[in-house]
Amino acid sequence: MNELKEARQAAGLTQQKMSEIFKIPKRTIENWEAGSRKPPEWAKLLVLEKLQRIKKENTEK
């Protein structure tokens, strides 16, 4: 499975919610997860870091 998709799901987010949080078009997230497009490495790292923080916040609730 795609690393971004796994991280998004682990954080408990839908593609739509992730789109709203990151201000990234939902279609872009769909393309990243499907593998038809790749995010720039710097963007991928930032997104993964933020998703990890969201996951941690959600598990602490």
N, C-alpha and C. Protein backbone atom coordinates (compact mmCIF):
# COMPACT_ATOMS: atom_id res chain seq x y z
N MET A 1 0.85 -1.19 0.00
CA MET A 1 0.00 0.00 0.00
C MET A 1 0.89 1.25 0.00
N ASN A 2 0.35 2.31 -0.47
CA ASN A 2 1.04 3.60 -0.57
C ASN A 2 1.32 4.18 0.83
N GLU A 3 2.52 4.68 1.02
CA GLU A 3 2.94 5.23 2.32
C GLU A 3 2.06 6.39 2.77
N LEU A 4 1.70 7.26 1.86
CA LEU A 4 0.84 8.39 2.22
C LEU A 4 -0.56 7.92 2.61
N LYS A 5 -1.07 6.95 1.87
CA LYS A 5 -2.41 6.41 2.16
C LYS A 5 -2.41 5.74 3.53
N GLU A 6 -1.38 4.96 3.81
CA GLU A 6 -1.28 4.29 5.12
C GLU A 6 -1.25 5.32 6.25
N ALA A 7 -0.45 6.36 6.07
CA ALA A 7 -0.33 7.40 7.10
C ALA A 7 -1.65 8.15 7.27
N ARG A 8 -2.32 8.44 6.17
CA ARG A 8 -3.62 9.13 6.25
C ARG A 8 -4.64 8.29 6.99
N GLN A 9 -4.72 7.02 6.64
CA GLN A 9 -5.67 6.13 7.29
C GLN A 9 -5.33 5.94 8.77
N ALA A 10 -4.04 5.82 9.08
CA ALA A 10 -3.62 5.66 10.48
C ALA A 10 -3.99 6.89 11.30
N ALA A 11 -4.00 8.06 10.66
CA ALA A 11 -4.38 9.30 11.33
C ALA A 11 -5.89 9.44 11.44
N GLY A 12 -6.62 8.52 10.81
CA GLY A 12 -8.08 8.55 10.88
C GLY A 12 -8.72 9.59 9.99
N LEU A 13 -8.05 9.94 8.89
CA LEU A 13 -8.56 10.97 7.99
C LEU A 13 -9.08 10.38 6.69
N THR A 14 -10.11 11.00 6.15
CA THR A 14 -10.54 10.70 4.79
C THR A 14 -9.69 11.54 3.84
N GLN A 15 -9.76 11.23 2.57
CA GLN A 15 -9.05 12.06 1.59
C GLN A 15 -9.60 13.48 1.63
N GLN A 16 -10.91 13.61 1.79
CA GLN A 16 -11.53 14.94 1.83
C GLN A 16 -11.02 15.75 3.02
N LYS A 17 -10.98 15.12 4.19
CA LYS A 17 -10.52 15.82 5.40
C LYS A 17 -9.05 16.20 5.27
N MET A 18 -8.24 15.30 4.72
CA MET A 18 -6.83 15.60 4.50
C MET A 18 -6.68 16.78 3.55
N SER A 19 -7.51 16.80 2.52
CA SER A 19 -7.50 17.89 1.55
C SER A 19 -7.78 19.23 2.24
N GLU A 20 -8.74 19.24 3.13
CA GLU A 20 -9.10 20.46 3.85
C GLU A 20 -7.98 20.91 4.79
N ILE A 21 -7.38 19.97 5.50
CA ILE A 21 -6.32 20.31 6.46
C ILE A 21 -5.09 20.85 5.76
N PHE A 22 -4.68 20.19 4.68
CA PHE A 22 -3.43 20.55 4.01
C PHE A 22 -3.60 21.57 2.89
N LYS A 23 -4.86 21.91 2.57
CA LYS A 23 -5.13 22.84 1.46
C LYS A 23 -4.54 22.30 0.15
N ILE A 24 -4.70 20.98 -0.03
CA ILE A 24 -4.26 20.30 -1.24
C ILE A 24 -5.53 19.77 -1.91
N PRO A 25 -5.68 19.96 -3.22
CA PRO A 25 -6.88 19.43 -3.87
C PRO A 25 -7.03 17.92 -3.64
N LYS A 26 -8.26 17.50 -3.40
CA LYS A 26 -8.54 16.07 -3.16
C LYS A 26 -8.03 15.23 -4.32
N ARG A 27 -8.16 15.72 -5.52
CA ARG A 27 -7.71 14.99 -6.70
C ARG A 27 -6.20 14.74 -6.64
N THR A 28 -5.45 15.69 -6.13
CA THR A 28 -4.00 15.52 -5.99
C THR A 28 -3.70 14.38 -5.02
N ILE A 29 -4.41 14.35 -3.91
CA ILE A 29 -4.22 13.27 -2.93
C ILE A 29 -4.58 11.93 -3.56
N GLU A 30 -5.68 11.90 -4.30
CA GLU A 30 -6.08 10.66 -5.00
C GLU A 30 -4.97 10.20 -5.94
N ASN A 31 -4.41 11.12 -6.69
CA ASN A 31 -3.34 10.78 -7.64
C ASN A 31 -2.09 10.28 -6.92
N TRP A 32 -1.74 10.91 -5.81
CA TRP A 32 -0.58 10.47 -5.03
C TRP A 32 -0.79 9.05 -4.53
N GLU A 33 -1.98 8.80 -4.00
CA GLU A 33 -2.25 7.49 -3.42
C GLU A 33 -2.37 6.41 -4.49
N ALA A 34 -2.85 6.76 -5.66
CA ALA A 34 -2.98 5.79 -6.75
C ALA A 34 -1.64 5.54 -7.44
N GLY A 35 -0.68 6.41 -7.19
CA GLY A 35 0.64 6.26 -7.80
C GLY A 35 0.74 6.86 -9.19
N SER A 36 -0.30 7.56 -9.63
CA SER A 36 -0.25 8.18 -10.96
C SER A 36 0.54 9.49 -10.94
N ARG A 37 0.73 10.04 -9.76
CA ARG A 37 1.56 11.24 -9.56
C ARG A 37 2.36 11.03 -8.28
N LYS A 38 3.51 11.70 -8.21
CA LYS A 38 4.33 11.63 -7.00
C LYS A 38 4.51 13.04 -6.46
N PRO A 39 4.34 13.19 -5.15
CA PRO A 39 4.59 14.52 -4.58
C PRO A 39 6.08 14.79 -4.55
N PRO A 40 6.47 16.06 -4.56
CA PRO A 40 7.89 16.36 -4.36
C PRO A 40 8.33 15.77 -3.01
N GLU A 41 9.55 15.32 -2.93
CA GLU A 41 10.03 14.65 -1.71
C GLU A 41 9.86 15.53 -0.48
N TRP A 42 10.15 16.83 -0.60
CA TRP A 42 10.01 17.73 0.55
C TRP A 42 8.55 17.80 1.01
N ALA A 43 7.62 17.82 0.06
CA ALA A 43 6.20 17.89 0.41
C ALA A 43 5.75 16.59 1.07
N LYS A 44 6.22 15.48 0.53
CA LYS A 44 5.88 14.17 1.10
C LYS A 44 6.33 14.09 2.56
N LEU A 45 7.55 14.53 2.82
CA LEU A 45 8.07 14.48 4.19
C LEU A 45 7.26 15.36 5.14
N LEU A 46 6.90 16.55 4.68
CA LEU A 46 6.10 17.45 5.52
C LEU A 46 4.71 16.86 5.80
N VAL A 47 4.09 16.29 4.77
CA VAL A 47 2.76 15.70 4.93
C VAL A 47 2.83 14.51 5.89
N LEU A 48 3.82 13.64 5.71
CA LEU A 48 3.96 12.47 6.58
C LEU A 48 4.19 12.89 8.04
N GLU A 49 5.00 13.93 8.24
CA GLU A 49 5.25 14.42 9.60
C GLU A 49 3.97 14.93 10.25
N LYS A 50 3.21 15.71 9.51
CA LYS A 50 1.96 16.27 10.04
C LYS A 50 0.94 15.16 10.31
N LEU A 51 0.86 14.17 9.42
CA LEU A 51 -0.06 13.06 9.63
C LEU A 51 0.32 12.28 10.89
N GLN A 52 1.60 12.13 11.13
CA GLN A 52 2.05 11.45 12.35
C GLN A 52 1.62 12.22 13.59
N ARG A 53 1.72 13.55 13.54
CA ARG A 53 1.28 14.38 14.68
C ARG A 53 -0.22 14.25 14.90
N ILE A 54 -0.98 14.24 13.80
CA ILE A 54 -2.44 14.10 13.91
C ILE A 54 -2.78 12.75 14.52
N LYS A 55 -2.10 11.71 14.07
CA LYS A 55 -2.33 10.37 14.62
C LYS A 55 -2.07 10.35 16.12
N LYS A 56 -0.97 10.95 16.53
CA LYS A 56 -0.60 11.00 17.95
C LYS A 56 -1.66 11.76 18.75
N GLU A 57 -2.10 12.90 18.22
CA GLU A 57 -3.13 13.69 18.90
C GLU A 57 -4.42 12.89 19.04
N ASN A 58 -4.79 12.16 18.00
CA ASN A 58 -6.02 11.38 18.02
C ASN A 58 -5.95 10.22 19.00
N THR A 59 -4.78 9.64 19.18
CA THR A 59 -4.66 8.52 20.11
C THR A 59 -4.57 8.99 21.56
N GLU A 60 -4.21 10.24 21.77
CA GLU A 60 -4.12 10.79 23.13
C GLU A 60 -5.47 11.25 23.66
N LYS A 61 -6.46 11.34 22.80
CA LYS A 61 -7.79 11.81 23.22
C LYS A 61 -8.50 10.78 24.05
